[in-house]
Amino acid sequence: SNTRIYQKNLNPDYFQDGRIKKGTEYIQIDMEVLMNSLQPGQTYEISDAYVGMTDKVPTRVIVHRLT
């Protein structure tokens, strides 16, 4: 898959001045692990998802396992 899907990190790291460290703001979802956890025909919604390498755009992702 060439599309990366992220969720907000609930416990990001911070600099001493209070700014969030960029690399810890989002957590990438491992789609292979997610797909392997679904049964054939099962649908799963990721409602608080973000896509994009630089600008994390909020979106709703629906995954359906065919086989």
PDB file of N, CA and C in Angstrom:
ATOM      1  N   SER A   1       0.843  -1.189   0.000  1.00  0.00           N
ATOM      2  CA  SER A   1       0.000   0.000   0.000  1.00  0.00           C
ATOM      3  C   SER A   1       0.881   1.244   0.000  1.00  0.00           C
ATOM      4  N   ASN A   2       0.541   2.212  -0.828  1.00  0.00           N
ATOM      5  CA  ASN A   2       1.323   3.440  -0.860  1.00  0.00           C
ATOM      6  C   ASN A   2       0.620   4.598  -0.160  1.00  0.00           C
ATOM      7  N   THR A   3      -0.538   4.353   0.414  1.00  0.00           N
ATOM      8  CA  THR A   3      -1.237   5.378   1.179  1.00  0.00           C
ATOM      9  C   THR A   3      -1.038   5.100   2.657  1.00  0.00           C
ATOM     10  N   ARG A   4      -0.507   6.075   3.346  1.00  0.00           N
ATOM     11  CA  ARG A   4      -0.283   5.908   4.785  1.00  0.00           C
ATOM     12  C   ARG A   4      -1.452   6.497   5.552  1.00  0.00           C
ATOM     13  N   ILE A   5      -1.901   5.759   6.540  1.00  0.00           N
ATOM     14  CA  ILE A   5      -3.032   6.185   7.357  1.00  0.00           C
ATOM     15  C   ILE A   5      -2.541   6.319   8.788  1.00  0.00           C
ATOM     16  N   TYR A   6      -2.902   7.425   9.424  1.00  0.00           N
ATOM     17  CA  TYR A   6      -2.418   7.741  10.764  1.00  0.00           C
ATOM     18  C   TYR A   6      -3.577   7.986  11.711  1.00  0.00           C
ATOM     19  N   GLN A   7      -3.278   7.867  13.008  1.00  0.00           N
ATOM     20  CA  GLN A   7      -4.177   8.314  14.064  1.00  0.00           C
ATOM     21  C   GLN A   7      -3.379   9.225  14.980  1.00  0.00           C
ATOM     22  N   LYS A   8      -4.081  10.160  15.631  1.00  0.00           N
ATOM     23  CA  LYS A   8      -3.408  11.053  16.579  1.00  0.00           C
ATOM     24  C   LYS A   8      -2.832  10.234  17.724  1.00  0.00           C
ATOM     25  N   ASN A   9      -1.620  10.580  18.122  1.00  0.00           N
ATOM     26  CA  ASN A   9      -0.984   9.957  19.280  1.00  0.00           C
ATOM     27  C   ASN A   9      -1.531  10.644  20.527  1.00  0.00           C
ATOM     28  N   LEU A  10      -2.116   9.879  21.426  1.00  0.00           N
ATOM     29  CA  LEU A  10      -2.684  10.465  22.643  1.00  0.00           C
ATOM     30  C   LEU A  10      -1.612  10.873  23.643  1.00  0.00           C
ATOM     31  N   ASN A  11      -0.393  10.340  23.493  1.00  0.00           N
ATOM     32  CA  ASN A  11       0.710  10.667  24.399  1.00  0.00           C
ATOM     33  C   ASN A  11       1.965  11.051  23.619  1.00  0.00           C
ATOM     34  N   PRO A  12       1.926  12.180  22.887  1.00  0.00           N
ATOM     35  CA  PRO A  12       3.112  12.577  22.120  1.00  0.00           C
ATOM     36  C   PRO A  12       4.216  13.099  23.035  1.00  0.00           C
ATOM     37  N   ASP A  13       5.435  13.143  22.505  1.00  0.00           N
ATOM     38  CA  ASP A  13       6.556  13.719  23.243  1.00  0.00           C
ATOM     39  C   ASP A  13       6.559  15.229  23.026  1.00  0.00           C
ATOM     40  N   TYR A  14       7.032  15.958  24.033  1.00  0.00           N
ATOM     41  CA  TYR A  14       7.058  17.416  23.966  1.00  0.00           C
ATOM     42  C   TYR A  14       8.475  17.929  24.194  1.00  0.00           C
ATOM     43  N   PHE A  15       8.773  19.078  23.562  1.00  0.00           N
ATOM     44  CA  PHE A  15      10.007  19.791  23.870  1.00  0.00           C
ATOM     45  C   PHE A  15       9.820  20.503  25.204  1.00  0.00           C
ATOM     46  N   GLN A  16      10.922  20.972  25.785  1.00  0.00           N
ATOM     47  CA  GLN A  16      10.834  21.651  27.085  1.00  0.00           C
ATOM     48  C   GLN A  16       9.997  22.926  27.008  1.00  0.00           C
ATOM     49  N   ASP A  17       9.926  23.550  25.811  1.00  0.00           N
ATOM     50  CA  ASP A  17       9.127  24.779  25.689  1.00  0.00           C
ATOM     51  C   ASP A  17       7.640  24.495  25.437  1.00  0.00           C
ATOM     52  N   GLY A  18       7.245  23.209  25.446  1.00  0.00           N
ATOM     53  CA  GLY A  18       5.841  22.852  25.327  1.00  0.00           C
ATOM     54  C   GLY A  18       5.377  22.466  23.938  1.00  0.00           C
ATOM     55  N   ARG A  19       6.226  22.641  22.920  1.00  0.00           N
ATOM     56  CA  ARG A  19       5.847  22.260  21.557  1.00  0.00           C
ATOM     57  C   ARG A  19       5.899  20.740  21.402  1.00  0.00           C
ATOM     58  N   ILE A  20       4.973  20.209  20.596  1.00  0.00           N
ATOM     59  CA  ILE A  20       4.949  18.766  20.322  1.00  0.00           C
ATOM     60  C   ILE A  20       6.080  18.422  19.367  1.00  0.00           C
ATOM     61  N   LYS A  21       6.777  17.322  19.651  1.00  0.00           N
ATOM     62  CA  LYS A  21       7.795  16.827  18.719  1.00  0.00           C
ATOM     63  C   LYS A  21       7.066  16.241  17.518  1.00  0.00           C
ATOM     64  N   LYS A  22       7.364  16.764  16.316  1.00  0.00           N
ATOM     65  CA  LYS A  22       6.630  16.418  15.095  1.00  0.00           C
ATOM     66  C   LYS A  22       6.506  14.916  14.856  1.00  0.00           C
ATOM     67  N   GLY A  23       7.581  14.167  15.054  1.00  0.00           N
ATOM     68  CA  GLY A  23       7.564  12.740  14.761  1.00  0.00           C
ATOM     69  C   GLY A  23       6.700  11.922  15.698  1.00  0.00           C
ATOM     70  N   THR A  24       6.207  12.535  16.774  1.00  0.00           N
ATOM     71  CA  THR A  24       5.413  11.785  17.754  1.00  0.00           C
ATOM     72  C   THR A  24       3.950  12.216  17.780  1.00  0.00           C
ATOM     73  N   GLU A  25       3.564  13.158  16.905  1.00  0.00           N
ATOM     74  CA  GLU A  25       2.195  13.679  16.923  1.00  0.00           C
ATOM     75  C   GLU A  25       1.182  12.665  16.374  1.00  0.00           C
ATOM     76  N   TYR A  26       1.602  11.868  15.393  1.00  0.00           N
ATOM     77  CA  TYR A  26       0.724  10.877  14.771  1.00  0.00           C
ATOM     78  C   TYR A  26       1.373   9.504  14.820  1.00  0.00           C
ATOM     79  N   ILE A  27       0.547   8.458  14.827  1.00  0.00           N
ATOM     80  CA  ILE A  27       1.019   7.074  14.793  1.00  0.00           C
ATOM     81  C   ILE A  27       0.496   6.452  13.507  1.00  0.00           C
ATOM     82  N   GLN A  28       1.397   5.848  12.730  1.00  0.00           N
ATOM     83  CA  GLN A  28       0.979   5.205  11.486  1.00  0.00           C
ATOM     84  C   GLN A  28       0.288   3.881  11.791  1.00  0.00           C
ATOM     85  N   ILE A  29      -0.839   3.644  11.136  1.00  0.00           N
ATOM     86  CA  ILE A  29      -1.583   2.396  11.300  1.00  0.00           C
ATOM     87  C   ILE A  29      -0.962   1.353  10.381  1.00  0.00           C
ATOM     88  N   ASP A  30      -0.675   0.187  10.921  1.00  0.00           N
ATOM     89  CA  ASP A  30      -0.142  -0.914  10.121  1.00  0.00           C
ATOM     90  C   ASP A  30      -1.326  -1.625   9.469  1.00  0.00           C
ATOM     91  N   MET A  31      -1.557  -1.323   8.197  1.00  0.00           N
ATOM     92  CA  MET A  31      -2.728  -1.858   7.502  1.00  0.00           C
ATOM     93  C   MET A  31      -2.667  -3.374   7.341  1.00  0.00           C
ATOM     94  N   GLU A  32      -1.468  -3.936   7.230  1.00  0.00           N
ATOM     95  CA  GLU A  32      -1.354  -5.390   7.094  1.00  0.00           C
ATOM     96  C   GLU A  32      -1.853  -6.083   8.359  1.00  0.00           C
ATOM     97  N   VAL A  33      -1.472  -5.557   9.516  1.00  0.00           N
ATOM     98  CA  VAL A  33      -1.936  -6.117  10.789  1.00  0.00           C
ATOM     99  C   VAL A  33      -3.454  -5.961  10.906  1.00  0.00           C
ATOM    100  N   LEU A  34      -3.959  -4.780  10.526  1.00  0.00           N
ATOM    101  CA  LEU A  34      -5.404  -4.538  10.587  1.00  0.00           C
ATOM    102  C   LEU A  34      -6.161  -5.508   9.684  1.00  0.00           C
ATOM    103  N   MET A  35      -5.699  -5.668   8.444  1.00  0.00           N
ATOM    104  CA  MET A  35      -6.382  -6.564   7.504  1.00  0.00           C
ATOM    105  C   MET A  35      -6.340  -8.016   7.978  1.00  0.00           C
ATOM    106  N   ASN A  36      -5.219  -8.426   8.555  1.00  0.00           N
ATOM    107  CA  ASN A  36      -5.110  -9.800   9.053  1.00  0.00           C
ATOM    108  C   ASN A  36      -6.021 -10.058  10.249  1.00  0.00           C
ATOM    109  N   SER A  37      -6.415  -8.996  10.953  1.00  0.00           N
ATOM    110  CA  SER A  37      -7.294  -9.167  12.113  1.00  0.00           C
ATOM    111  C   SER A  37      -8.767  -9.255  11.707  1.00  0.00           C
ATOM    112  N   LEU A  38      -9.082  -8.901  10.461  1.00  0.00           N
ATOM    113  CA  LEU A  38     -10.467  -8.945   9.989  1.00  0.00           C
ATOM    114  C   LEU A  38     -10.794 -10.303   9.378  1.00  0.00           C
ATOM    115  N   GLN A  39     -12.039 -10.715   9.543  1.00  0.00           N
ATOM    116  CA  GLN A  39     -12.534 -11.936   8.906  1.00  0.00           C
ATOM    117  C   GLN A  39     -13.000 -11.583   7.490  1.00  0.00           C
ATOM    118  N   PRO A  40     -12.962 -12.539   6.547  1.00  0.00           N
ATOM    119  CA  PRO A  40     -13.487 -12.258   5.203  1.00  0.00           C
ATOM    120  C   PRO A  40     -14.926 -11.741   5.279  1.00  0.00           C
ATOM    121  N   GLY A  41     -15.193 -10.650   4.568  1.00  0.00           N
ATOM    122  CA  GLY A  41     -16.519 -10.038   4.579  1.00  0.00           C
ATOM    123  C   GLY A  41     -16.729  -9.020   5.681  1.00  0.00           C
ATOM    124  N   GLN A  42     -15.777  -8.882   6.594  1.00  0.00           N
ATOM    125  CA  GLN A  42     -15.916  -7.954   7.719  1.00  0.00           C
ATOM    126  C   GLN A  42     -15.507  -6.543   7.300  1.00  0.00           C
ATOM    127  N   THR A  43     -16.198  -5.549   7.846  1.00  0.00           N
ATOM    128  CA  THR A  43     -15.917  -4.139   7.575  1.00  0.00           C
ATOM    129  C   THR A  43     -15.483  -3.468   8.869  1.00  0.00           C
ATOM    130  N   TYR A  44     -14.514  -2.552   8.760  1.00  0.00           N
ATOM    131  CA  TYR A  44     -13.998  -1.839   9.929  1.00  0.00           C
ATOM    132  C   TYR A  44     -13.873  -0.362   9.579  1.00  0.00           C
ATOM    133  N   GLU A  45     -14.327   0.510  10.473  1.00  0.00           N
ATOM    134  CA  GLU A  45     -14.248   1.950  10.248  1.00  0.00           C
ATOM    135  C   GLU A  45     -13.190   2.568  11.156  1.00  0.00           C
ATOM    136  N   ILE A  46     -12.342   3.400  10.565  1.00  0.00           N
ATOM    137  CA  ILE A  46     -11.380   4.199  11.325  1.00  0.00           C
ATOM    138  C   ILE A  46     -11.885   5.635  11.217  1.00  0.00           C
ATOM    139  N   SER A  47     -12.621   6.086  12.230  1.00  0.00           N
ATOM    140  CA  SER A  47     -13.296   7.384  12.130  1.00  0.00           C
ATOM    141  C   SER A  47     -12.364   8.565  12.391  1.00  0.00           C
ATOM    142  N   ASP A  48     -11.328   8.367  13.170  1.00  0.00           N
ATOM    143  CA  ASP A  48     -10.420   9.471  13.517  1.00  0.00           C
ATOM    144  C   ASP A  48      -9.081   9.303  12.806  1.00  0.00           C
ATOM    145  N   ALA A  49      -9.143   9.097  11.495  1.00  0.00           N
ATOM    146  CA  ALA A  49      -7.937   8.837  10.713  1.00  0.00           C
ATOM    147  C   ALA A  49      -7.441  10.106  10.027  1.00  0.00           C
ATOM    148  N   TYR A  50      -6.165  10.080   9.684  1.00  0.00           N
ATOM    149  CA  TYR A  50      -5.523  11.167   8.947  1.00  0.00           C
ATOM    150  C   TYR A  50      -4.696  10.545   7.839  1.00  0.00           C
ATOM    151  N   VAL A  51      -4.666  11.190   6.660  1.00  0.00           N
ATOM    152  CA  VAL A  51      -3.864  10.698   5.549  1.00  0.00           C
ATOM    153  C   VAL A  51      -2.933  11.804   5.065  1.00  0.00           C
ATOM    154  N   GLY A  52      -1.830  11.386   4.442  1.00  0.00           N
ATOM    155  CA  GLY A  52      -0.873  12.326   3.875  1.00  0.00           C
ATOM    156  C   GLY A  52       0.458  12.240   4.571  1.00  0.00           C
ATOM    157  N   MET A  53       1.535  12.424   3.769  1.00  0.00           N
ATOM    158  CA  MET A  53       2.879  12.334   4.343  1.00  0.00           C
ATOM    159  C   MET A  53       3.243  13.585   5.140  1.00  0.00           C
ATOM    160  N   THR A  54       2.908  14.773   4.615  1.00  0.00           N
ATOM    161  CA  THR A  54       3.296  16.002   5.310  1.00  0.00           C
ATOM    162  C   THR A  54       2.091  16.674   5.960  1.00  0.00           C
ATOM    163  N   ASP A  55       1.067  16.969   5.176  1.00  0.00           N
ATOM    164  CA  ASP A  55      -0.150  17.565   5.728  1.00  0.00           C
ATOM    165  C   ASP A  55      -1.110  16.446   6.080  1.00  0.00           C
ATOM    166  N   LYS A  56      -1.308  16.220   7.350  1.00  0.00           N
ATOM    167  CA  LYS A  56      -2.208  15.159   7.798  1.00  0.00           C
ATOM    168  C   LYS A  56      -3.649  15.661   7.669  1.00  0.00           C
ATOM    169  N   VAL A  57      -4.371  15.146   6.672  1.00  0.00           N
ATOM    170  CA  VAL A  57      -5.735  15.577   6.388  1.00  0.00           C
ATOM    171  C   VAL A  57      -6.710  14.644   7.099  1.00  0.00           C
ATOM    172  N   PRO A  58      -7.613  15.190   7.935  1.00  0.00           N
ATOM    173  CA  PRO A  58      -8.567  14.327   8.634  1.00  0.00           C
ATOM    174  C   PRO A  58      -9.529  13.676   7.643  1.00  0.00           C
ATOM    175  N   THR A  59      -9.811  12.414   7.850  1.00  0.00           N
ATOM    176  CA  THR A  59     -10.697  11.677   6.953  1.00  0.00           C
ATOM    177  C   THR A  59     -11.331  10.507   7.692  1.00  0.00           C
ATOM    178  N   ARG A  60     -12.285   9.898   7.062  1.00  0.00           N
ATOM    179  CA  ARG A  60     -12.945   8.702   7.595  1.00  0.00           C
ATOM    180  C   ARG A  60     -12.573   7.558   6.667  1.00  0.00           C
ATOM    181  N   VAL A  61     -12.032   6.484   7.213  1.00  0.00           N
ATOM    182  CA  VAL A  61     -11.572   5.354   6.406  1.00  0.00           C
ATOM    183  C   VAL A  61     -12.436   4.141   6.725  1.00  0.00           C
ATOM    184  N   ILE A  62     -12.948   3.507   5.675  1.00  0.00           N
ATOM    185  CA  ILE A  62     -13.713   2.274   5.833  1.00  0.00           C
ATOM    186  C   ILE A  62     -12.958   1.182   5.097  1.00  0.00           C
ATOM    187  N   VAL A  63     -12.618   0.116   5.818  1.00  0.00           N
ATOM    188  CA  VAL A  63     -11.853  -0.996   5.263  1.00  0.00           C
ATOM    189  C   VAL A  63     -12.768  -2.213   5.220  1.00  0.00           C
ATOM    190  N   HIS A  64     -12.790  -2.891   4.089  1.00  0.00           N
ATOM    191  CA  HIS A  64     -13.607  -4.099   3.940  1.00  0.00           C
ATOM    192  C   HIS A  64     -12.715  -5.213   3.422  1.00  0.00           C
ATOM    193  N   ARG A  65     -12.669  -6.315   4.144  1.00  0.00           N
ATOM    194  CA  ARG A  65     -11.861  -7.454   3.706  1.00  0.00           C
ATOM    195  C   ARG A  65     -12.699  -8.340   2.794  1.00  0.00           C
ATOM    196  N   LEU A  66     -12.206  -8.533   1.570  1.00  0.00           N
ATOM    197  CA  LEU A  66     -12.949  -9.334   0.598  1.00  0.00           C
ATOM    198  C   LEU A  66     -12.760 -10.817   0.822  1.00  0.00           C
ATOM    199  N   THR A  67     -11.503 -11.280   0.880  1.00  0.00           N
ATOM    200  CA  THR A  67     -11.253 -12.720   1.050  1.00  0.00           C
ATOM    201  C   THR A  67     -10.258 -12.958   2.156  1.00  0.00           C
TER     202      THR A  67
END
